[in-house]
N, C-alpha and C. Protein backbone atom coordinates (compact mmCIF):
# COMPACT_ATOMS: atom_id res chain seq x y z
N MET A 1 9.36 -10.32 -28.14
CA MET A 1 7.99 -9.90 -27.97
C MET A 1 7.46 -9.23 -29.23
N MET A 2 8.27 -8.41 -29.83
CA MET A 2 7.86 -7.73 -31.05
C MET A 2 7.66 -8.74 -32.19
N THR A 3 8.47 -9.79 -32.21
CA THR A 3 8.33 -10.82 -33.25
C THR A 3 6.98 -11.50 -33.14
N LEU A 4 6.54 -11.80 -31.91
CA LEU A 4 5.22 -12.42 -31.72
C LEU A 4 4.11 -11.48 -32.18
N HIS A 5 4.28 -10.20 -31.92
CA HIS A 5 3.28 -9.23 -32.37
C HIS A 5 3.18 -9.22 -33.90
N LEU A 6 4.32 -9.22 -34.57
CA LEU A 6 4.31 -9.22 -36.04
C LEU A 6 3.68 -10.50 -36.60
N ILE A 7 3.99 -11.63 -35.99
CA ILE A 7 3.40 -12.90 -36.42
C ILE A 7 1.88 -12.84 -36.24
N ALA A 8 1.43 -12.32 -35.10
CA ALA A 8 -0.01 -12.21 -34.85
C ALA A 8 -0.68 -11.28 -35.86
N VAL A 9 -0.05 -10.15 -36.16
CA VAL A 9 -0.62 -9.19 -37.12
C VAL A 9 -0.79 -9.84 -38.49
N PHE A 10 0.26 -10.50 -38.99
CA PHE A 10 0.18 -11.12 -40.32
C PHE A 10 -0.79 -12.29 -40.33
N THR A 11 -0.86 -13.04 -39.24
CA THR A 11 -1.80 -14.16 -39.17
C THR A 11 -3.24 -13.65 -39.21
N ILE A 12 -3.52 -12.59 -38.47
CA ILE A 12 -4.87 -12.02 -38.46
C ILE A 12 -5.24 -11.48 -39.84
N GLY A 13 -4.29 -10.84 -40.51
CA GLY A 13 -4.55 -10.36 -41.87
C GLY A 13 -4.85 -11.51 -42.82
N ALA A 14 -4.06 -12.58 -42.73
CA ALA A 14 -4.27 -13.74 -43.61
C ALA A 14 -5.61 -14.41 -43.32
N VAL A 15 -5.96 -14.57 -42.06
CA VAL A 15 -7.23 -15.21 -41.70
C VAL A 15 -8.40 -14.35 -42.16
N ALA A 16 -8.31 -13.03 -41.99
CA ALA A 16 -9.39 -12.15 -42.44
C ALA A 16 -9.57 -12.25 -43.96
N ALA A 17 -8.47 -12.26 -44.71
CA ALA A 17 -8.56 -12.39 -46.17
C ALA A 17 -9.12 -13.76 -46.55
N LEU A 18 -8.69 -14.81 -45.86
CA LEU A 18 -9.18 -16.17 -46.14
C LEU A 18 -10.68 -16.28 -45.86
N LEU A 19 -11.14 -15.70 -44.75
CA LEU A 19 -12.57 -15.75 -44.43
C LEU A 19 -13.38 -14.97 -45.45
N THR A 20 -12.86 -13.85 -45.91
CA THR A 20 -13.54 -13.06 -46.95
C THR A 20 -13.62 -13.86 -48.25
N PHE A 21 -12.53 -14.50 -48.62
CA PHE A 21 -12.49 -15.32 -49.83
C PHE A 21 -13.49 -16.48 -49.71
N ALA A 22 -13.49 -17.18 -48.55
CA ALA A 22 -14.39 -18.31 -48.35
C ALA A 22 -15.85 -17.85 -48.34
N GLY A 23 -16.12 -16.69 -47.72
CA GLY A 23 -17.49 -16.16 -47.70
C GLY A 23 -17.99 -15.83 -49.09
N ALA A 24 -17.12 -15.25 -49.90
CA ALA A 24 -17.51 -14.93 -51.28
C ALA A 24 -17.77 -16.21 -52.06
N ARG A 25 -16.94 -17.22 -51.88
CA ARG A 25 -17.12 -18.51 -52.58
C ARG A 25 -18.41 -19.19 -52.14
N LEU A 26 -18.74 -19.05 -50.86
CA LEU A 26 -19.94 -19.67 -50.32
C LEU A 26 -21.19 -19.12 -51.01
N PHE A 27 -21.15 -17.85 -51.40
CA PHE A 27 -22.27 -17.23 -52.09
C PHE A 27 -22.11 -17.26 -53.61
N GLY A 28 -21.17 -18.06 -54.09
CA GLY A 28 -20.99 -18.25 -55.52
C GLY A 28 -20.35 -17.07 -56.23
N ARG A 29 -19.61 -16.29 -55.55
CA ARG A 29 -18.95 -15.14 -56.16
C ARG A 29 -17.45 -15.29 -55.97
N SER A 30 -16.73 -14.43 -56.63
CA SER A 30 -15.29 -14.39 -56.40
C SER A 30 -14.96 -13.01 -55.83
N ALA A 31 -14.13 -13.00 -54.80
CA ALA A 31 -13.76 -11.74 -54.17
C ALA A 31 -12.63 -11.10 -54.96
N PRO A 32 -12.77 -9.85 -55.35
CA PRO A 32 -11.67 -9.17 -56.05
C PRO A 32 -10.44 -9.08 -55.14
N ARG A 33 -9.28 -9.14 -55.76
CA ARG A 33 -8.03 -9.08 -54.98
C ARG A 33 -7.94 -7.79 -54.17
N SER A 34 -8.42 -6.71 -54.73
CA SER A 34 -8.34 -5.44 -54.00
C SER A 34 -9.16 -5.50 -52.71
N VAL A 35 -10.29 -6.21 -52.73
CA VAL A 35 -11.10 -6.36 -51.52
C VAL A 35 -10.36 -7.20 -50.50
N LEU A 36 -9.73 -8.27 -50.96
CA LEU A 36 -8.97 -9.13 -50.04
C LEU A 36 -7.82 -8.36 -49.39
N VAL A 37 -7.16 -7.53 -50.18
CA VAL A 37 -6.05 -6.74 -49.65
C VAL A 37 -6.57 -5.72 -48.63
N LEU A 38 -7.69 -5.05 -48.95
CA LEU A 38 -8.27 -4.07 -48.03
C LEU A 38 -8.74 -4.73 -46.73
N VAL A 39 -9.36 -5.89 -46.83
CA VAL A 39 -9.82 -6.60 -45.63
C VAL A 39 -8.63 -7.02 -44.78
N ALA A 40 -7.61 -7.58 -45.41
CA ALA A 40 -6.42 -8.01 -44.66
C ALA A 40 -5.75 -6.81 -43.99
N GLY A 41 -5.57 -5.74 -44.74
CA GLY A 41 -4.94 -4.54 -44.19
C GLY A 41 -5.75 -3.92 -43.07
N GLY A 42 -7.06 -3.86 -43.24
CA GLY A 42 -7.94 -3.32 -42.20
C GLY A 42 -7.90 -4.15 -40.93
N ALA A 43 -7.91 -5.46 -41.09
CA ALA A 43 -7.85 -6.35 -39.92
C ALA A 43 -6.50 -6.19 -39.20
N MET A 44 -5.42 -6.08 -39.97
CA MET A 44 -4.09 -5.92 -39.37
C MET A 44 -4.01 -4.59 -38.61
N LEU A 45 -4.54 -3.52 -39.20
CA LEU A 45 -4.51 -2.22 -38.53
C LEU A 45 -5.39 -2.24 -37.28
N ALA A 46 -6.57 -2.82 -37.38
CA ALA A 46 -7.48 -2.89 -36.23
C ALA A 46 -6.85 -3.67 -35.08
N TYR A 47 -6.21 -4.80 -35.39
CA TYR A 47 -5.57 -5.57 -34.32
C TYR A 47 -4.42 -4.79 -33.70
N SER A 48 -3.63 -4.12 -34.52
CA SER A 48 -2.50 -3.35 -33.99
C SER A 48 -2.97 -2.25 -33.03
N VAL A 49 -4.02 -1.55 -33.42
CA VAL A 49 -4.56 -0.50 -32.55
C VAL A 49 -5.11 -1.11 -31.27
N TYR A 50 -5.85 -2.21 -31.39
CA TYR A 50 -6.37 -2.90 -30.20
C TYR A 50 -5.23 -3.31 -29.28
N ASP A 51 -4.19 -3.90 -29.83
CA ASP A 51 -3.06 -4.38 -29.03
C ASP A 51 -2.36 -3.23 -28.30
N GLU A 52 -2.19 -2.11 -29.00
CA GLU A 52 -1.53 -0.96 -28.39
C GLU A 52 -2.36 -0.37 -27.26
N TYR A 53 -3.65 -0.23 -27.45
CA TYR A 53 -4.50 0.41 -26.46
C TYR A 53 -4.89 -0.52 -25.31
N SER A 54 -4.84 -1.81 -25.50
CA SER A 54 -5.24 -2.72 -24.43
C SER A 54 -4.05 -3.25 -23.63
N TRP A 55 -2.83 -2.88 -24.01
CA TRP A 55 -1.63 -3.41 -23.34
C TRP A 55 -1.66 -3.15 -21.83
N ALA A 56 -1.91 -1.92 -21.43
CA ALA A 56 -1.86 -1.58 -20.00
C ALA A 56 -2.91 -2.35 -19.21
N GLY A 57 -4.10 -2.44 -19.73
CA GLY A 57 -5.16 -3.19 -19.05
C GLY A 57 -4.85 -4.67 -18.94
N ARG A 58 -4.33 -5.24 -20.02
CA ARG A 58 -3.98 -6.66 -19.99
C ARG A 58 -2.83 -6.91 -19.03
N MET A 59 -1.85 -6.00 -19.01
CA MET A 59 -0.71 -6.14 -18.11
C MET A 59 -1.16 -6.03 -16.65
N THR A 60 -1.98 -5.05 -16.36
CA THR A 60 -2.47 -4.85 -15.00
C THR A 60 -3.28 -6.06 -14.55
N ALA A 61 -4.11 -6.60 -15.42
CA ALA A 61 -4.93 -7.77 -15.06
C ALA A 61 -4.09 -9.00 -14.80
N SER A 62 -2.91 -9.09 -15.41
CA SER A 62 -2.08 -10.27 -15.23
C SER A 62 -1.17 -10.19 -14.00
N LEU A 63 -1.13 -9.03 -13.35
CA LEU A 63 -0.26 -8.87 -12.19
C LEU A 63 -0.88 -9.53 -10.96
N PRO A 64 -0.05 -10.05 -10.06
CA PRO A 64 -0.59 -10.60 -8.81
C PRO A 64 -1.27 -9.51 -7.98
N SER A 65 -2.14 -9.91 -7.07
CA SER A 65 -2.90 -8.93 -6.29
C SER A 65 -2.01 -8.08 -5.38
N GLN A 66 -0.80 -8.56 -5.06
CA GLN A 66 0.11 -7.80 -4.20
C GLN A 66 0.84 -6.68 -4.95
N VAL A 67 0.71 -6.64 -6.26
CA VAL A 67 1.37 -5.61 -7.06
C VAL A 67 0.36 -4.49 -7.32
N THR A 68 0.75 -3.28 -6.95
CA THR A 68 -0.09 -2.11 -7.12
C THR A 68 0.50 -1.21 -8.20
N VAL A 69 -0.28 -0.92 -9.23
CA VAL A 69 0.16 0.00 -10.28
C VAL A 69 0.08 1.41 -9.71
N LEU A 70 1.20 2.12 -9.77
CA LEU A 70 1.26 3.47 -9.22
C LEU A 70 0.86 4.52 -10.24
N ARG A 71 1.32 4.34 -11.48
CA ARG A 71 1.07 5.36 -12.49
C ARG A 71 1.20 4.78 -13.89
N GLU A 72 0.32 5.22 -14.78
CA GLU A 72 0.43 4.92 -16.21
C GLU A 72 0.92 6.17 -16.91
N TYR A 73 1.83 6.00 -17.84
CA TYR A 73 2.36 7.13 -18.60
C TYR A 73 1.79 7.06 -20.01
N ARG A 74 0.93 8.01 -20.33
CA ARG A 74 0.29 8.05 -21.65
C ARG A 74 1.12 8.91 -22.58
N GLU A 75 1.27 8.43 -23.82
CA GLU A 75 2.13 9.11 -24.78
C GLU A 75 1.45 9.25 -26.12
N THR A 76 2.00 10.12 -26.94
CA THR A 76 1.53 10.33 -28.30
C THR A 76 2.68 10.03 -29.27
N SER A 77 2.34 9.84 -30.54
CA SER A 77 3.35 9.51 -31.53
C SER A 77 2.96 10.08 -32.89
N LEU A 78 3.94 10.63 -33.59
CA LEU A 78 3.69 11.11 -34.95
C LEU A 78 3.31 9.96 -35.88
N LEU A 79 3.83 8.77 -35.62
CA LEU A 79 3.53 7.61 -36.46
C LEU A 79 2.12 7.09 -36.24
N SER A 80 1.50 7.49 -35.15
CA SER A 80 0.11 7.12 -34.86
C SER A 80 -0.64 8.41 -34.53
N PRO A 81 -1.07 9.15 -35.55
CA PRO A 81 -1.65 10.48 -35.30
C PRO A 81 -2.89 10.46 -34.41
N TRP A 82 -3.63 9.36 -34.35
CA TRP A 82 -4.83 9.29 -33.51
C TRP A 82 -4.48 9.36 -32.03
N THR A 83 -3.19 9.14 -31.67
CA THR A 83 -2.82 9.20 -30.26
C THR A 83 -2.84 10.63 -29.73
N TYR A 84 -2.89 11.62 -30.60
CA TYR A 84 -3.01 13.00 -30.13
C TYR A 84 -4.41 13.25 -29.59
N ALA A 85 -5.39 12.55 -30.12
CA ALA A 85 -6.75 12.64 -29.60
C ALA A 85 -6.97 11.66 -28.45
N PHE A 86 -6.35 10.47 -28.57
CA PHE A 86 -6.51 9.42 -27.57
C PHE A 86 -5.13 8.86 -27.22
N PRO A 87 -4.39 9.52 -26.30
CA PRO A 87 -3.06 9.02 -25.94
C PRO A 87 -3.15 7.60 -25.37
N ARG A 88 -2.13 6.81 -25.62
CA ARG A 88 -2.13 5.42 -25.13
C ARG A 88 -1.05 5.24 -24.06
N ALA A 89 -1.29 4.30 -23.17
CA ALA A 89 -0.34 3.99 -22.10
C ALA A 89 0.80 3.16 -22.70
N GLU A 90 1.99 3.69 -22.66
CA GLU A 90 3.18 3.00 -23.19
C GLU A 90 4.02 2.37 -22.08
N ARG A 91 3.89 2.92 -20.87
CA ARG A 91 4.67 2.39 -19.76
C ARG A 91 3.95 2.68 -18.46
N MET A 92 4.35 1.98 -17.41
CA MET A 92 3.75 2.20 -16.10
C MET A 92 4.72 1.77 -15.01
N THR A 93 4.49 2.30 -13.83
CA THR A 93 5.30 1.92 -12.67
C THR A 93 4.39 1.24 -11.66
N ALA A 94 4.98 0.33 -10.90
CA ALA A 94 4.22 -0.43 -9.91
C ALA A 94 5.14 -0.76 -8.74
N ILE A 95 4.53 -1.20 -7.66
CA ILE A 95 5.27 -1.65 -6.49
C ILE A 95 4.72 -3.01 -6.08
N ASP A 96 5.62 -3.92 -5.78
CA ASP A 96 5.24 -5.23 -5.27
C ASP A 96 5.31 -5.15 -3.76
N ARG A 97 4.15 -5.17 -3.10
CA ARG A 97 4.12 -5.00 -1.64
C ARG A 97 4.82 -6.14 -0.91
N ARG A 98 5.02 -7.29 -1.60
CA ARG A 98 5.76 -8.40 -0.97
C ARG A 98 7.24 -8.07 -0.83
N SER A 99 7.74 -7.10 -1.61
CA SER A 99 9.16 -6.76 -1.57
C SER A 99 9.49 -5.75 -0.48
N ILE A 100 8.49 -5.25 0.23
CA ILE A 100 8.73 -4.23 1.25
C ILE A 100 9.46 -4.84 2.44
N GLN A 101 10.56 -4.18 2.83
CA GLN A 101 11.34 -4.60 3.99
C GLN A 101 11.35 -3.45 4.99
N ARG A 102 11.07 -3.77 6.23
CA ARG A 102 11.06 -2.75 7.28
C ARG A 102 12.20 -3.03 8.26
N ASN A 103 12.73 -1.96 8.84
CA ASN A 103 13.81 -2.05 9.82
C ASN A 103 13.27 -1.56 11.15
N PRO A 104 13.24 -2.42 12.19
CA PRO A 104 12.70 -1.99 13.48
C PRO A 104 13.47 -0.79 14.07
N GLN A 105 14.72 -0.62 13.69
CA GLN A 105 15.51 0.50 14.20
C GLN A 105 15.12 1.83 13.54
N LEU A 106 14.46 1.75 12.39
CA LEU A 106 14.06 2.95 11.65
C LEU A 106 12.56 2.91 11.36
N PRO A 107 11.73 3.16 12.37
CA PRO A 107 10.28 3.12 12.11
C PRO A 107 9.88 4.16 11.08
N GLY A 108 8.99 3.77 10.21
CA GLY A 108 8.53 4.68 9.16
C GLY A 108 9.38 4.65 7.90
N MET A 109 10.54 3.98 7.95
CA MET A 109 11.40 3.85 6.77
C MET A 109 11.23 2.44 6.22
N LEU A 110 11.24 2.31 4.92
CA LEU A 110 11.16 0.97 4.33
C LEU A 110 11.95 0.92 3.04
N MET A 111 12.32 -0.28 2.68
CA MET A 111 13.00 -0.52 1.40
C MET A 111 12.06 -1.36 0.54
N THR A 112 12.05 -1.05 -0.74
CA THR A 112 11.21 -1.78 -1.68
C THR A 112 11.81 -1.65 -3.07
N GLU A 113 11.14 -2.24 -4.04
CA GLU A 113 11.58 -2.13 -5.44
C GLU A 113 10.46 -1.52 -6.26
N LEU A 114 10.84 -0.56 -7.08
CA LEU A 114 9.91 0.04 -8.02
C LEU A 114 10.00 -0.75 -9.32
N LEU A 115 8.87 -1.26 -9.79
CA LEU A 115 8.82 -2.01 -11.05
C LEU A 115 8.49 -1.05 -12.17
N MET A 116 9.28 -1.09 -13.24
CA MET A 116 9.05 -0.22 -14.39
C MET A 116 8.75 -1.10 -15.60
N MET A 117 7.52 -1.00 -16.09
CA MET A 117 7.06 -1.82 -17.20
C MET A 117 6.86 -0.93 -18.42
N GLN A 118 7.33 -1.40 -19.55
CA GLN A 118 7.17 -0.67 -20.80
C GLN A 118 6.75 -1.65 -21.88
N ARG A 119 5.87 -1.20 -22.74
CA ARG A 119 5.36 -2.06 -23.82
C ARG A 119 6.52 -2.56 -24.68
N ASN A 120 6.53 -3.84 -24.97
CA ASN A 120 7.54 -4.50 -25.79
C ASN A 120 8.95 -4.45 -25.19
N GLN A 121 9.05 -4.26 -23.89
CA GLN A 121 10.33 -4.26 -23.21
C GLN A 121 10.23 -5.13 -21.96
N PRO A 122 11.35 -5.70 -21.52
CA PRO A 122 11.30 -6.46 -20.27
C PRO A 122 11.09 -5.52 -19.07
N THR A 123 10.47 -6.05 -18.03
CA THR A 123 10.24 -5.28 -16.82
C THR A 123 11.56 -5.07 -16.10
N ARG A 124 11.79 -3.84 -15.65
CA ARG A 124 12.99 -3.52 -14.88
C ARG A 124 12.57 -3.15 -13.47
N SER A 125 13.50 -3.28 -12.54
CA SER A 125 13.20 -2.88 -11.17
C SER A 125 14.33 -2.01 -10.63
N ALA A 126 13.96 -1.14 -9.70
CA ALA A 126 14.93 -0.23 -9.09
C ALA A 126 14.69 -0.23 -7.58
N PRO A 127 15.72 -0.59 -6.80
CA PRO A 127 15.55 -0.56 -5.34
C PRO A 127 15.47 0.88 -4.84
N MET A 128 14.66 1.07 -3.82
CA MET A 128 14.51 2.42 -3.27
C MET A 128 14.20 2.33 -1.79
N VAL A 129 14.45 3.42 -1.12
CA VAL A 129 14.06 3.57 0.28
C VAL A 129 12.99 4.66 0.34
N VAL A 130 11.97 4.41 1.16
CA VAL A 130 10.87 5.35 1.29
C VAL A 130 10.79 5.79 2.75
N ASP A 131 10.76 7.08 2.96
CA ASP A 131 10.60 7.68 4.28
C ASP A 131 9.14 8.10 4.38
N CYS A 132 8.32 7.25 5.02
CA CYS A 132 6.88 7.51 5.07
C CYS A 132 6.55 8.80 5.84
N PRO A 133 7.06 8.99 7.06
CA PRO A 133 6.73 10.24 7.77
C PRO A 133 7.28 11.48 7.06
N GLY A 134 8.44 11.38 6.44
CA GLY A 134 9.05 12.51 5.76
C GLY A 134 8.54 12.72 4.35
N GLN A 135 7.70 11.80 3.85
CA GLN A 135 7.11 11.86 2.52
C GLN A 135 8.18 12.11 1.45
N ARG A 136 9.15 11.19 1.40
CA ARG A 136 10.22 11.30 0.41
C ARG A 136 10.71 9.90 0.07
N ARG A 137 11.45 9.83 -1.04
CA ARG A 137 12.01 8.56 -1.50
C ARG A 137 13.40 8.81 -2.06
N ALA A 138 14.19 7.73 -2.11
CA ALA A 138 15.52 7.81 -2.72
C ALA A 138 15.81 6.47 -3.38
N PHE A 139 16.30 6.52 -4.61
CA PHE A 139 16.71 5.30 -5.29
C PHE A 139 18.07 4.87 -4.73
N LEU A 140 18.28 3.57 -4.68
CA LEU A 140 19.53 3.03 -4.15
C LEU A 140 20.36 2.47 -5.29
N SER A 141 21.65 2.73 -5.25
CA SER A 141 22.55 2.18 -6.27
C SER A 141 23.01 0.79 -5.85
N ALA A 142 23.62 0.08 -6.77
CA ALA A 142 24.09 -1.28 -6.48
C ALA A 142 25.18 -1.28 -5.41
N ASP A 143 25.96 -0.21 -5.33
CA ASP A 143 27.04 -0.14 -4.35
C ASP A 143 26.70 0.81 -3.19
N GLN A 144 25.42 0.94 -2.88
CA GLN A 144 24.95 1.84 -1.83
C GLN A 144 25.56 1.44 -0.49
N ALA A 145 26.11 2.39 0.24
CA ALA A 145 26.63 2.17 1.58
C ALA A 145 25.54 2.50 2.60
N PHE A 146 25.57 1.80 3.73
CA PHE A 146 24.56 1.98 4.76
C PHE A 146 25.22 2.31 6.10
N GLU A 147 24.50 3.07 6.92
CA GLU A 147 24.93 3.37 8.28
C GLU A 147 24.73 2.11 9.13
N PRO A 148 25.33 2.04 10.32
CA PRO A 148 25.13 0.86 11.18
C PRO A 148 23.67 0.58 11.55
N ASP A 149 22.85 1.64 11.61
CA ASP A 149 21.44 1.42 11.96
C ASP A 149 20.60 0.99 10.76
N GLY A 150 21.19 0.94 9.56
CA GLY A 150 20.47 0.51 8.36
C GLY A 150 20.06 1.63 7.44
N MET A 151 20.32 2.87 7.84
CA MET A 151 19.98 4.03 7.01
C MET A 151 21.00 4.17 5.88
N PRO A 152 20.56 4.40 4.64
CA PRO A 152 21.52 4.59 3.54
C PRO A 152 22.36 5.86 3.78
N LYS A 153 23.61 5.80 3.37
CA LYS A 153 24.48 6.97 3.48
C LYS A 153 24.25 7.89 2.29
N ASN A 154 24.00 9.15 2.57
CA ASN A 154 23.85 10.20 1.57
C ASN A 154 22.88 9.86 0.44
N PRO A 155 21.64 9.49 0.77
CA PRO A 155 20.69 9.22 -0.33
C PRO A 155 20.27 10.52 -1.00
N ALA A 156 19.92 10.44 -2.27
CA ALA A 156 19.41 11.60 -3.01
C ALA A 156 17.89 11.62 -2.87
N TRP A 157 17.42 12.25 -1.82
CA TRP A 157 16.00 12.26 -1.51
C TRP A 157 15.21 13.08 -2.52
N GLU A 158 14.02 12.57 -2.84
CA GLU A 158 13.06 13.28 -3.68
C GLU A 158 11.78 13.44 -2.87
N ARG A 159 11.28 14.65 -2.80
CA ARG A 159 10.02 14.92 -2.08
C ARG A 159 8.85 14.29 -2.83
N LEU A 160 7.89 13.78 -2.09
CA LEU A 160 6.67 13.22 -2.66
C LEU A 160 5.48 14.04 -2.19
N ASP A 161 4.50 14.19 -3.04
CA ASP A 161 3.27 14.88 -2.66
C ASP A 161 2.53 14.02 -1.62
N PRO A 162 1.77 14.64 -0.73
CA PRO A 162 1.08 13.86 0.31
C PRO A 162 0.18 12.75 -0.24
N GLY A 163 -0.43 12.94 -1.40
CA GLY A 163 -1.31 11.91 -1.97
C GLY A 163 -0.62 11.03 -2.99
N ASP A 164 0.71 11.01 -3.00
CA ASP A 164 1.44 10.22 -3.99
C ASP A 164 1.06 8.74 -3.87
N PRO A 165 0.79 8.08 -5.00
CA PRO A 165 0.41 6.66 -4.95
C PRO A 165 1.48 5.76 -4.31
N LEU A 166 2.75 6.13 -4.41
CA LEU A 166 3.81 5.34 -3.77
C LEU A 166 3.65 5.35 -2.26
N LEU A 167 3.37 6.52 -1.69
CA LEU A 167 3.17 6.60 -0.24
C LEU A 167 1.95 5.78 0.19
N GLU A 168 0.90 5.88 -0.59
CA GLU A 168 -0.32 5.14 -0.25
C GLU A 168 -0.11 3.63 -0.35
N ALA A 169 0.61 3.17 -1.36
CA ALA A 169 0.80 1.73 -1.56
C ALA A 169 1.83 1.16 -0.59
N ALA A 170 2.90 1.88 -0.31
CA ALA A 170 3.98 1.34 0.50
C ALA A 170 3.78 1.57 1.99
N CYS A 171 3.20 2.70 2.37
CA CYS A 171 3.18 3.10 3.78
C CYS A 171 1.91 2.73 4.53
N ARG A 172 0.90 2.29 3.84
CA ARG A 172 -0.34 1.98 4.57
C ARG A 172 -0.26 0.69 5.33
């Protein structure tokens, strides 16, 4: 993914310099090399900033309607000082409502997968159980043991706030 980004950045820089060169020629002038370098560099920087700030919106728009974004995590970086004024979304969590499994023996309890998306990284998922009436969740390990009724054995429960987006997306 990062390789495609670099190819796009250099292509945009080259196209911007080429268009500047062609525009200058069209008016019978020659563009100084310093202008071509500044135009190419400016276009590359502008595209990089656009790509970084529009990632979360583009990712959200590409998700199926059954996937609900729960939270965006905005971050800052010393390498991008403008992020201290305008933090950018680097990662987000979501839930695919199609993955929700309910157990008739345990009303109000459900199993689902939390999707974790990060810019320039593959999407990861983590199975979890959600206790809707108890307003809590627990992540499940690959070797999780279950009781005969389907309840996980000794889950590490985490309390959720009443308005938590996970409760709203999974339990409604």
